[in-house]
Amino acid sequence: MKKHVIAVLVLLFALLTVLPAQANVEQPAMSSPVSQTQAAEPKYVFMFIGDGMSHVQINAAQVLKGNKEKGNLSLGELTFTQFPAVGLQTTYDATSFCPDSASTATSLSSGFKTHSGVIGLGIDKQQVGITIAEQVKQQKDWKVGIVSTVTLNHATPAAYYAHVPSRNSYYDIGLQMADSGFDYFAGGAISKAEDGGKKSIYTILGEKGYLVADSAQEILSLNAAAGKVYAQSPRLQDSGSMPYAMDMDADDLSLAQLVGKGIELLDNENGFFMMVESGKIDWACHANDAAAEINDLLAFDAAIDEALAFAQAHPQETLIVVTGDHETGGMTIGYAGTGYNTAFDILENQKLSYVAFDEKFNARLKADSLFSFSEALDLVAADFGLVAPGKTASNKALVLSDLEYAKLEQAFTQAKLPSSQRTVDDQYKLLYGGYNPFSITLTHILNNKAGIGWTSYAHTGTPVSVYAYGSGSERFSGSYDNTEIYHKLATLVGLV
């Protein structure tokens, strides 16, 4: 018995000796598709905002890009979804759980809540909140760039340099843009650049020392000697924005090209801050156009690649943060008519955005007052792949059901009427929102067939994700309020 007791004690002693040593062994780091190097204080900061972008918009792009073969499903990779730090931020503002871009971008840029529709001012609409971009310019002499696929005095870009009680004060916002002293503006046009007999904002920008460039050749040839720059998309689409990514041709400049040029112009020893907005993710979701949303999100991801390449060349000095300001459209992967099934490959039959289709549709209406439904269906087949009942298609799901056909015919009847003669009741608003009845019915039908649903033509209160890479990125993990984005950035870059 003594021998057994001694043997057990020896074994226990051996175990107690080994276990602490094992506990101190460094465990292998979890593999990550993107490696990172952390440092205390980044001096190159990229803030990417996908307007209207929440989990579902991102996941939809991953699904479309992934393997859709039954039994072998997988998501496609996006650059920013592989970033090592992932967080979640709430989006409500001082007045609504379904906020707008003015208030949410103010929270991101300045760190406080305000009313929907207010830019850069407190709840009293008087207190001025100095933005992160203004502070790094003033305190650290960093260069600053503001890039957006929509107009540069729209709510989100404006929240980084303007302070106004109403986001609709476009001319006043334009004046503050010119006075900001920021080094690089790029993307869409200036909304309402003229106000009555007042001087054009473009003229004022020139007087303030900005070079306004609006040709691809001129923009691509810019270098640091150009000084302050306003680089406007060579081609503009609805309301002065850059064209949707799926509507671009070889002569258009992409968001990635504008970000790459911005890096070239802003790069300096002191540091820089660049805010990049993909604003038409939001516009596509307002119109419930999944294909346009996904393609703009993929173009947004390509722009983030430009920042990542810079970060990998400056690994201890660069921080990239990617997030949304709110969700738009109440987008879901899952629709009552398709149950548990999805068929995202159907979306690839859509060749252009709802905006470009509207232009084509309206041109036909203007040219031919007798434009018929059957002729409209020829456009539909060419641009959306959908065909009438009884016809054949490359995918049988593209054949309209009798119900879908009836909905589309009803929408065509409404679309042919002048807007003043349409029956705009509650049912009309639910069916079409404020959009062309024919094109939005088309996107609804195609999206629903793919297994995508929508609940709104407006914003929702869904929280949005945050992705971060580089110096200090670990601070963006966890769950927090959107105002914390500003405070985390301000702390990291050493603002006082």
Protein backbone atom coordinates (compact mmCIF):
# COMPACT_ATOMS: atom_id res chain seq x y z
CA MET A 1 0.00 0.00 0.00
CA LYS A 2 2.84 2.39 0.88
CA LYS A 3 4.36 1.83 -2.55
CA HIS A 4 1.05 2.73 -4.23
CA VAL A 5 0.65 5.90 -2.15
CA ILE A 6 4.20 6.97 -2.92
CA ALA A 7 3.65 6.34 -6.63
CA VAL A 8 0.49 8.48 -6.64
CA LEU A 9 2.23 11.32 -4.79
CA VAL A 10 5.14 11.25 -7.25
CA LEU A 11 2.68 11.41 -10.16
CA LEU A 12 0.78 14.36 -8.62
CA PHE A 13 4.03 16.20 -7.99
CA ALA A 14 5.06 15.67 -11.60
CA LEU A 15 1.72 16.99 -12.86
CA LEU A 16 1.90 20.08 -10.65
CA THR A 17 5.38 20.75 -11.99
CA VAL A 18 4.39 20.44 -15.64
CA LEU A 19 1.05 22.29 -15.65
CA PRO A 20 2.37 25.79 -14.77
CA ALA A 21 5.04 25.41 -17.41
CA GLN A 22 2.42 24.51 -19.99
CA ALA A 23 0.27 27.47 -18.94
CA ASN A 24 3.19 29.79 -19.63
CA VAL A 25 3.81 28.45 -23.11
CA GLU A 26 2.86 31.07 -25.70
CA GLN A 27 -0.18 29.87 -27.61
CA PRO A 28 -0.14 30.15 -31.41
CA ALA A 29 -2.05 33.22 -32.65
CA MET A 30 -5.32 32.60 -34.45
CA SER A 31 -4.70 32.81 -38.16
CA SER A 32 -6.22 35.82 -39.89
CA PRO A 33 -6.44 36.53 -43.63
CA VAL A 34 -5.10 40.01 -42.89
CA SER A 35 -2.23 40.52 -40.45
CA GLN A 36 -1.85 43.71 -38.43
CA THR A 37 0.79 45.62 -36.57
CA GLN A 38 -0.35 47.72 -33.63
CA ALA A 39 1.16 50.99 -32.53
CA ALA A 40 0.20 53.62 -29.99
CA GLU A 41 -0.61 56.58 -32.23
CA PRO A 42 -1.51 56.31 -35.93
CA LYS A 43 -0.76 59.30 -38.12
CA TYR A 44 -2.55 58.09 -41.25
CA VAL A 45 -6.25 57.48 -40.64
CA PHE A 46 -8.86 56.26 -43.13
CA MET A 47 -12.55 56.44 -42.18
CA PHE A 48 -14.72 54.49 -44.65
CA ILE A 49 -18.49 54.92 -44.36
CA GLY A 50 -20.89 52.79 -46.36
CA ASP A 51 -24.00 54.92 -46.18
CA GLY A 52 -27.02 52.70 -45.44
CA MET A 53 -24.72 49.68 -45.00
CA SER A 54 -25.42 47.14 -42.28
CA HIS A 55 -24.83 43.39 -41.93
CA VAL A 56 -27.29 42.33 -44.61
CA GLN A 57 -25.97 44.65 -47.32
CA ILE A 58 -22.48 43.27 -46.65
CA ASN A 59 -23.65 39.66 -46.47
CA ALA A 60 -25.57 40.04 -49.75
CA ALA A 61 -22.33 41.05 -51.49
CA GLN A 62 -20.57 38.05 -49.96
CA VAL A 63 -23.33 35.72 -51.15
CA LEU A 64 -23.31 37.08 -54.71
CA LYS A 65 -19.52 36.82 -54.80
CA GLY A 66 -19.47 33.36 -53.23
CA ASN A 67 -20.19 29.79 -54.31
CA LYS A 68 -23.95 29.31 -54.78
CA GLU A 69 -23.82 25.63 -55.74
CA LYS A 70 -26.22 23.60 -53.60
CA GLY A 71 -24.31 21.39 -51.20
CA ASN A 72 -21.21 23.50 -51.51
CA LEU A 73 -22.25 26.99 -50.40
CA SER A 74 -19.62 29.50 -49.33
CA LEU A 75 -19.34 33.26 -48.94
CA GLY A 76 -17.05 35.33 -51.12
CA GLU A 77 -14.27 37.26 -49.43
CA LEU A 78 -14.36 41.03 -49.03
CA THR A 79 -11.26 42.93 -47.98
CA PHE A 80 -12.76 44.65 -44.96
CA THR A 81 -14.65 41.64 -43.58
CA GLN A 82 -11.25 39.99 -43.09
CA PHE A 83 -10.01 42.80 -40.85
CA PRO A 84 -8.97 41.45 -37.44
CA ALA A 85 -11.05 43.79 -35.26
CA VAL A 86 -14.85 43.66 -35.52
CA GLY A 87 -17.34 45.69 -33.49
CA LEU A 88 -21.00 46.68 -33.40
CA GLN A 89 -22.36 50.21 -33.04
CA THR A 90 -25.85 51.52 -32.32
CA THR A 91 -27.18 54.21 -34.64
CA TYR A 92 -30.12 56.00 -32.95
CA ASP A 93 -29.94 59.78 -32.63
CA ALA A 94 -31.47 62.28 -30.20
CA THR A 95 -34.87 62.18 -31.88
CA SER A 96 -35.30 58.83 -33.63
CA PHE A 97 -34.42 55.14 -33.51
CA CYS A 98 -34.52 55.29 -37.33
CA PRO A 99 -32.01 58.13 -37.78
CA ASP A 100 -30.77 59.95 -40.87
CA SER A 101 -27.26 60.50 -42.23
CA ALA A 102 -26.92 64.04 -40.87
CA SER A 103 -27.24 63.06 -37.22
CA THR A 104 -25.42 59.73 -37.45
CA ALA A 105 -22.48 61.16 -39.39
CA THR A 106 -22.33 63.97 -36.80
CA SER A 107 -22.04 61.32 -34.09
CA LEU A 108 -19.24 59.59 -36.00
CA SER A 109 -17.37 62.82 -36.77
CA SER A 110 -17.94 64.77 -33.54
CA GLY A 111 -18.96 62.37 -30.77
CA PHE A 112 -22.42 63.56 -29.72
CA LYS A 113 -26.10 62.97 -30.45
CA THR A 114 -28.25 65.49 -32.27
CA HIS A 115 -31.55 65.82 -34.15
CA SER A 116 -32.19 64.05 -37.41
CA GLY A 117 -31.43 66.53 -40.19
CA VAL A 118 -28.86 68.51 -38.16
CA ILE A 119 -25.19 68.61 -39.12
CA GLY A 120 -22.38 69.37 -36.68
CA LEU A 121 -24.54 71.05 -34.02
CA GLY A 122 -25.76 69.88 -30.62
CA ILE A 123 -29.29 69.10 -29.53
CA ASP A 124 -29.91 72.82 -29.00
CA LYS A 125 -28.87 73.40 -32.64
CA GLN A 126 -26.45 76.04 -31.35
CA GLN A 127 -23.47 74.22 -29.85
CA VAL A 128 -20.77 73.66 -32.47
CA GLY A 129 -18.97 70.34 -32.33
CA ILE A 130 -15.49 70.52 -33.84
CA THR A 131 -15.06 67.45 -36.01
CA ILE A 132 -12.24 64.93 -35.95
CA ALA A 133 -11.17 66.20 -39.39
CA GLU A 134 -11.12 69.84 -38.27
CA GLN A 135 -9.19 68.96 -35.12
CA VAL A 136 -6.40 67.00 -36.79
CA LYS A 137 -6.05 69.86 -39.26
CA GLN A 138 -5.86 72.48 -36.51
CA GLN A 139 -3.94 70.62 -33.82
CA LYS A 140 -1.63 68.35 -35.79
CA ASP A 141 -1.33 70.06 -39.18
CA TRP A 142 -2.52 66.91 -40.93
CA LYS A 143 -3.81 67.05 -44.47
CA VAL A 144 -7.49 66.15 -44.84
CA GLY A 145 -9.42 64.53 -47.67
CA ILE A 146 -13.17 64.06 -48.11
CA VAL A 147 -14.36 61.65 -50.82
CA SER A 148 -17.92 60.62 -51.66
CA THR A 149 -19.79 58.98 -54.52
CA VAL A 150 -22.60 61.50 -53.96
CA THR A 151 -22.52 65.30 -53.80
CA LEU A 152 -19.80 66.66 -51.54
CA ASN A 153 -22.21 68.89 -49.61
CA HIS A 154 -24.53 65.97 -48.90
CA ALA A 155 -25.12 65.03 -45.26
CA THR A 156 -22.35 62.51 -44.58
CA PRO A 157 -19.38 64.34 -46.13
CA ALA A 158 -20.73 67.65 -44.80
CA ALA A 159 -20.69 66.28 -41.24
CA TYR A 160 -16.90 66.37 -41.33
CA TYR A 161 -16.57 70.10 -42.07
CA ALA A 162 -19.95 71.87 -41.70
CA HIS A 163 -22.21 73.05 -38.87
CA VAL A 164 -25.80 73.85 -39.90
CA PRO A 165 -29.28 73.36 -38.38
CA SER A 166 -30.55 71.82 -41.63
CA ARG A 167 -28.87 69.38 -43.98
CA ASN A 168 -30.83 71.04 -46.80
CA SER A 169 -28.83 74.27 -46.50
CA TYR A 170 -26.68 73.19 -49.42
CA TYR A 171 -25.34 76.60 -50.35
CA ASP A 172 -24.28 77.41 -46.77
CA ILE A 173 -22.66 73.97 -46.51
CA GLY A 174 -20.81 74.68 -49.75
CA LEU A 175 -19.48 77.94 -48.30
CA GLN A 176 -18.19 76.07 -45.25
CA MET A 177 -16.56 73.53 -47.56
CA ALA A 178 -14.62 76.29 -49.28
CA ASP A 179 -13.64 77.77 -45.90
CA SER A 180 -12.56 74.42 -44.41
CA GLY A 181 -9.06 74.56 -45.87
CA PHE A 182 -9.20 70.79 -46.38
CA ASP A 183 -6.79 69.58 -49.00
CA TYR A 184 -8.73 67.14 -51.17
CA PHE A 185 -12.39 66.86 -52.09
CA ALA A 186 -13.37 64.24 -54.65
CA GLY A 187 -16.41 62.46 -56.05
CA GLY A 188 -19.74 63.97 -56.98
CA ALA A 189 -20.72 67.55 -57.75
CA ILE A 190 -21.82 70.35 -55.42
CA SER A 191 -25.57 70.33 -54.91
CA LYS A 192 -27.25 73.71 -55.52
CA ALA A 193 -23.91 75.41 -56.07
CA GLU A 194 -25.74 78.62 -56.95
CA ASP A 195 -28.33 80.36 -54.82
CA GLY A 196 -30.19 83.08 -56.65
CA GLY A 197 -27.75 85.78 -57.67
CA LYS A 198 -25.05 84.62 -55.27
CA LYS A 199 -21.62 83.63 -56.47
CA SER A 200 -21.21 79.96 -57.47
CA ILE A 201 -19.53 77.71 -54.89
CA TYR A 202 -17.22 76.55 -57.68
CA THR A 203 -16.09 80.15 -58.19
CA ILE A 204 -15.58 80.57 -54.46
CA LEU A 205 -13.52 77.37 -54.31
CA GLY A 206 -11.28 78.81 -57.02
CA GLU A 207 -10.92 82.05 -55.08
CA LYS A 208 -9.96 80.04 -51.98
CA GLY A 209 -7.10 78.40 -53.83
CA TYR A 210 -8.72 75.14 -54.97
CA LEU A 211 -8.02 73.60 -58.35
CA VAL A 212 -11.33 72.28 -59.68
CA ALA A 213 -10.73 69.34 -62.03
CA ASP A 214 -13.52 67.48 -63.79
CA SER A 215 -11.90 65.42 -66.53
CA ALA A 216 -10.42 61.96 -66.02
CA GLN A 217 -7.16 62.93 -67.68
CA GLU A 218 -6.73 66.05 -65.55
CA ILE A 219 -7.58 64.25 -62.30
CA LEU A 220 -5.31 61.28 -62.97
CA SER A 221 -2.40 63.58 -63.84
CA LEU A 222 -2.63 65.57 -60.59
CA ASN A 223 0.36 65.53 -58.27
CA ALA A 224 1.27 67.10 -54.95
CA ALA A 225 2.20 70.37 -56.68
CA ALA A 226 -1.50 70.92 -57.48
CA GLY A 227 -2.20 72.20 -53.96
CA LYS A 228 -5.79 72.04 -52.75
CA VAL A 229 -8.04 70.08 -55.11
CA TYR A 230 -11.72 69.50 -55.87
CA ALA A 231 -11.79 66.48 -58.21
CA GLN A 232 -15.28 66.03 -59.66
CA SER A 233 -16.41 62.87 -61.44
CA PRO A 234 -16.16 63.38 -65.22
CA ARG A 235 -19.69 61.99 -65.63
CA LEU A 236 -22.55 62.66 -63.26
CA GLN A 237 -25.72 60.68 -62.75
CA ASP A 238 -28.82 61.39 -60.66
CA SER A 239 -28.66 64.57 -58.58
CA GLY A 240 -24.99 65.19 -59.34
CA SER A 241 -23.60 61.92 -58.01
CA MET A 242 -21.03 59.58 -59.50
CA PRO A 243 -22.64 56.88 -61.66
CA TYR A 244 -23.58 53.61 -59.99
CA ALA A 245 -20.72 51.13 -60.27
CA MET A 246 -22.79 48.85 -62.52
CA ASP A 247 -23.48 51.81 -64.87
CA MET A 248 -19.84 52.89 -65.24
CA ASP A 249 -17.87 52.51 -68.44
CA ALA A 250 -14.17 52.67 -69.26
CA ASP A 251 -14.18 56.48 -69.32
CA ASP A 252 -15.52 56.83 -65.77
CA LEU A 253 -13.35 57.17 -62.67
CA SER A 254 -14.01 54.64 -59.91
CA LEU A 255 -14.11 55.32 -56.19
CA ALA A 256 -10.91 53.29 -55.87
CA GLN A 257 -9.14 55.59 -58.35
CA LEU A 258 -10.24 58.68 -56.42
CA VAL A 259 -9.02 57.17 -53.15
CA GLY A 260 -5.72 56.19 -54.75
CA LYS A 261 -5.26 59.71 -56.09
CA GLY A 262 -6.18 61.11 -52.67
CA ILE A 263 -3.48 59.04 -51.00
CA GLU A 264 -0.95 60.35 -53.51
CA LEU A 265 -1.94 63.99 -52.90
CA LEU A 266 -2.29 63.77 -49.11
CA ASP A 267 0.74 61.67 -48.25
CA ASN A 268 3.18 63.68 -46.11
CA GLU A 269 5.36 63.29 -43.02
CA ASN A 270 2.93 64.99 -40.62
CA GLY A 271 0.00 62.68 -41.36
CA PHE A 272 -3.43 62.74 -42.99
CA PHE A 273 -7.09 61.90 -42.39
CA MET A 274 -9.33 60.72 -45.22
CA MET A 275 -13.08 60.12 -44.94
CA VAL A 276 -14.48 58.07 -47.83
CA GLU A 277 -18.23 57.59 -48.26
CA SER A 278 -20.00 55.20 -50.59
CA GLY A 279 -23.22 57.21 -50.59
CA LYS A 280 -25.11 55.33 -53.30
CA ILE A 281 -25.28 52.12 -51.29
CA ASP A 282 -27.88 54.11 -49.38
CA TRP A 283 -29.59 55.47 -52.51
CA ALA A 284 -29.86 51.98 -54.01
CA CYS A 285 -31.35 50.64 -50.79
CA HIS A 286 -33.88 53.48 -50.66
CA ALA A 287 -34.96 52.29 -54.13
CA ASN A 288 -34.84 48.61 -53.07
CA ASP A 289 -32.36 47.81 -55.85
CA ALA A 290 -30.19 44.97 -54.54
CA ALA A 291 -28.01 44.61 -57.64
CA ALA A 292 -27.07 48.31 -57.59
CA GLU A 293 -26.40 48.16 -53.84
CA ILE A 294 -24.19 45.09 -54.09
CA ASN A 295 -22.14 46.42 -57.00
CA ASP A 296 -21.54 49.73 -55.23
CA LEU A 297 -20.53 47.86 -52.09
CA LEU A 298 -18.02 45.81 -54.08
CA ALA A 299 -16.65 49.04 -55.56
CA PHE A 300 -16.42 50.39 -51.99
CA ASP A 301 -14.42 47.30 -51.01
CA ALA A 302 -12.07 47.90 -53.96
CA ALA A 303 -11.47 51.44 -52.64
CA ILE A 304 -10.60 49.97 -49.24
CA ASP A 305 -7.97 47.86 -51.04
CA GLU A 306 -6.20 51.12 -51.91
CA ALA A 307 -6.05 52.09 -48.25
CA LEU A 308 -4.92 48.61 -47.24
CA ALA A 309 -2.02 48.71 -49.68
CA PHE A 310 -0.92 52.01 -48.11
CA ALA A 311 -1.35 50.58 -44.60
CA GLN A 312 0.80 47.57 -45.41
CA ALA A 313 3.54 49.94 -46.58
CA HIS A 314 3.17 51.94 -43.31
CA PRO A 315 2.17 49.16 -40.89
CA GLN A 316 2.84 50.91 -37.58
CA GLU A 317 1.39 54.29 -38.55
CA THR A 318 -1.92 53.58 -40.32
CA LEU A 319 -5.44 52.90 -39.08
CA ILE A 320 -8.40 51.94 -41.27
CA VAL A 321 -11.95 51.97 -39.86
CA VAL A 322 -14.91 50.77 -41.94
CA THR A 323 -18.53 51.13 -40.86
CA GLY A 324 -21.98 52.35 -41.87
CA ASP A 325 -23.95 55.30 -40.55
CA HIS A 326 -27.30 53.44 -40.45
CA GLU A 327 -29.20 50.73 -42.34
CA THR A 328 -31.49 51.56 -45.26
CA GLY A 329 -34.42 49.66 -46.71
CA GLY A 330 -34.85 46.94 -44.11
CA MET A 331 -33.06 44.54 -46.44
CA THR A 332 -33.26 40.82 -45.65
CA ILE A 333 -31.79 37.66 -47.10
CA GLY A 334 -34.98 35.60 -47.02
CA TYR A 335 -38.37 36.23 -48.59
CA ALA A 336 -41.79 34.73 -47.84
CA GLY A 337 -42.28 33.63 -51.45
CA THR A 338 -39.06 31.60 -51.58
CA GLY A 339 -39.01 30.20 -48.05
CA TYR A 340 -35.56 28.92 -47.12
CA ASN A 341 -34.30 29.17 -50.69
CA THR A 342 -32.10 31.83 -52.27
CA ALA A 343 -30.96 32.21 -55.87
CA PHE A 344 -28.62 35.19 -56.00
CA ASP A 345 -27.35 34.23 -59.45
CA ILE A 346 -30.66 35.66 -60.73
CA LEU A 347 -29.40 39.14 -59.83
CA GLU A 348 -26.65 38.83 -62.43
CA ASN A 349 -29.33 39.19 -65.12
CA GLN A 350 -29.78 42.86 -64.12
CA LYS A 351 -27.49 44.87 -66.40
CA LEU A 352 -28.01 48.40 -65.10
CA SER A 353 -29.28 50.33 -62.08
CA TYR A 354 -32.86 51.47 -61.66
CA VAL A 355 -31.68 55.01 -62.49
CA ALA A 356 -30.17 54.02 -65.83
CA PHE A 357 -33.24 51.90 -66.63
CA ASP A 358 -35.52 54.85 -65.80
CA GLU A 359 -33.58 56.99 -68.28
CA LYS A 360 -34.04 54.38 -71.00
CA PHE A 361 -37.71 53.82 -70.13
CA ASN A 362 -38.54 57.54 -70.02
CA ALA A 363 -36.76 58.15 -73.31
CA ARG A 364 -38.97 55.55 -74.97
CA LEU A 365 -42.09 57.12 -73.43
CA LYS A 366 -41.08 60.56 -74.66
CA ALA A 367 -40.29 59.32 -78.16
CA ASP A 368 -43.43 57.23 -78.55
CA SER A 369 -46.72 58.04 -76.83
CA LEU A 370 -48.04 54.65 -78.03
CA PHE A 371 -45.21 52.78 -76.25
CA SER A 372 -46.87 49.50 -75.28
CA PHE A 373 -46.51 47.05 -72.42
CA SER A 374 -45.29 44.34 -74.78
CA GLU A 375 -42.57 46.71 -76.04
CA ALA A 376 -41.65 47.53 -72.43
CA LEU A 377 -41.28 43.80 -71.79
CA ASP A 378 -38.61 43.70 -74.50
CA LEU A 379 -36.62 46.22 -72.45
CA VAL A 380 -37.22 44.13 -69.35
CA ALA A 381 -35.94 40.96 -71.03
CA ALA A 382 -32.80 42.75 -72.23
CA ASP A 383 -31.95 44.52 -68.96
CA PHE A 384 -33.40 42.22 -66.25
CA GLY A 385 -33.75 38.84 -67.95
CA LEU A 386 -37.43 38.54 -66.97
CA VAL A 387 -39.89 37.23 -69.59
CA ALA A 388 -43.67 36.91 -69.86
CA PRO A 389 -45.51 33.74 -68.79
CA GLY A 390 -45.32 31.02 -71.43
CA LYS A 391 -41.96 32.19 -72.80
CA THR A 392 -38.65 30.43 -72.24
CA ALA A 393 -35.66 31.80 -70.35
CA SER A 394 -32.15 30.61 -69.51
CA ASN A 395 -33.41 30.10 -65.95
CA LYS A 396 -37.04 29.09 -65.46
CA ALA A 397 -37.19 31.30 -62.37
CA LEU A 398 -36.90 34.30 -64.71
CA VAL A 399 -40.33 33.53 -66.20
CA LEU A 400 -42.89 35.86 -64.63
CA SER A 401 -45.74 34.24 -62.76
CA ASP A 402 -49.27 35.37 -63.59
CA LEU A 403 -49.30 37.43 -60.38
CA GLU A 404 -45.94 39.07 -61.16
CA TYR A 405 -47.05 39.78 -64.71
CA ALA A 406 -50.23 41.45 -63.45
CA LYS A 407 -48.26 43.58 -60.95
CA LEU A 408 -45.87 44.70 -63.67
CA GLU A 409 -48.67 45.56 -66.07
CA GLN A 410 -50.41 47.61 -63.38
CA ALA A 411 -47.12 49.41 -62.64
CA PHE A 412 -46.63 50.14 -66.35
CA THR A 413 -50.07 51.76 -66.51
CA GLN A 414 -49.16 54.03 -63.58
CA ALA A 415 -45.71 54.81 -64.98
CA LYS A 416 -47.14 56.03 -68.29
CA LEU A 417 -49.34 58.59 -66.52
CA PRO A 418 -48.00 62.05 -65.64
CA SER A 419 -47.21 62.06 -61.93
CA SER A 420 -50.08 64.50 -61.28
CA GLN A 421 -52.59 61.97 -62.66
CA ARG A 422 -51.42 58.91 -60.71
CA THR A 423 -53.55 57.46 -57.92
CA VAL A 424 -51.20 58.17 -55.02
CA ASP A 425 -52.98 56.52 -52.10
CA ASP A 426 -51.58 54.44 -49.24
CA GLN A 427 -51.47 51.33 -51.41
CA TYR A 428 -49.53 53.21 -54.11
CA LYS A 429 -46.97 54.41 -51.54
CA LEU A 430 -46.46 50.90 -50.20
CA LEU A 431 -46.03 49.47 -53.70
CA TYR A 432 -43.82 52.13 -55.26
CA GLY A 433 -42.58 54.58 -52.63
CA GLY A 434 -41.52 57.72 -54.50
CA TYR A 435 -39.99 55.83 -57.43
CA ASN A 436 -40.94 54.99 -61.00
CA PRO A 437 -43.68 52.38 -60.51
CA PHE A 438 -42.40 50.22 -63.37
CA SER A 439 -38.69 50.06 -62.43
CA ILE A 440 -39.25 49.53 -58.71
CA THR A 441 -41.72 46.73 -59.44
CA LEU A 442 -39.04 45.15 -61.61
CA THR A 443 -36.39 45.28 -58.89
CA HIS A 444 -38.88 43.96 -56.32
CA ILE A 445 -39.77 40.99 -58.53
CA LEU A 446 -36.15 40.18 -59.37
CA ASN A 447 -35.01 40.62 -55.75
CA ASN A 448 -37.84 38.49 -54.40
CA LYS A 449 -37.04 35.71 -56.89
CA ALA A 450 -33.44 35.83 -55.63
CA GLY A 451 -34.68 35.52 -52.03
CA ILE A 452 -34.26 39.15 -50.95
CA GLY A 453 -36.93 41.12 -49.12
CA TRP A 454 -37.35 44.79 -48.20
CA THR A 455 -39.44 46.39 -45.46
CA SER A 456 -38.94 50.11 -46.15
CA TYR A 457 -37.98 52.85 -48.59
CA ALA A 458 -36.41 54.69 -45.66
CA HIS A 459 -33.86 54.06 -42.92
CA THR A 460 -34.21 51.51 -40.13
CA GLY A 461 -32.85 51.28 -36.58
CA THR A 462 -30.65 48.23 -37.18
CA PRO A 463 -27.19 48.42 -35.54
CA VAL A 464 -24.24 48.38 -37.92
CA SER A 465 -20.90 46.63 -37.82
CA VAL A 466 -17.45 48.16 -37.49
CA TYR A 467 -14.27 46.71 -38.99
CA ALA A 468 -10.78 47.97 -38.19
CA TYR A 469 -7.23 47.26 -39.29
CA GLY A 470 -3.85 48.55 -38.21
CA SER A 471 -2.55 50.82 -35.49
CA GLY A 472 -4.95 50.78 -32.52
CA SER A 473 -7.56 48.71 -34.35
CA GLU A 474 -8.20 46.51 -31.31
CA ARG A 475 -10.02 49.43 -29.66
CA PHE A 476 -12.88 49.03 -32.13
CA SER A 477 -13.84 45.53 -31.02
CA GLY A 478 -16.93 45.09 -28.88
CA SER A 479 -20.35 46.74 -28.76
CA TYR A 480 -20.79 50.48 -28.25
CA ASP A 481 -22.63 53.64 -29.27
CA ASN A 482 -21.80 55.37 -32.56
CA THR A 483 -20.48 58.42 -30.67
CA GLU A 484 -17.65 56.21 -29.39
CA ILE A 485 -16.15 56.01 -32.88
CA TYR A 486 -15.14 59.66 -32.61
CA HIS A 487 -13.82 59.30 -29.04
CA LYS A 488 -11.77 56.23 -29.91
CA LEU A 489 -10.21 58.03 -32.88
CA ALA A 490 -9.57 61.23 -30.91
CA THR A 491 -7.79 59.27 -28.17
CA LEU A 492 -5.72 57.24 -30.60
CA VAL A 493 -4.41 60.23 -32.57
CA GLY A 494 -3.70 62.24 -29.42
CA LEU A 495 -6.18 65.11 -29.71
CA VAL A 496 -6.49 67.44 -26.74
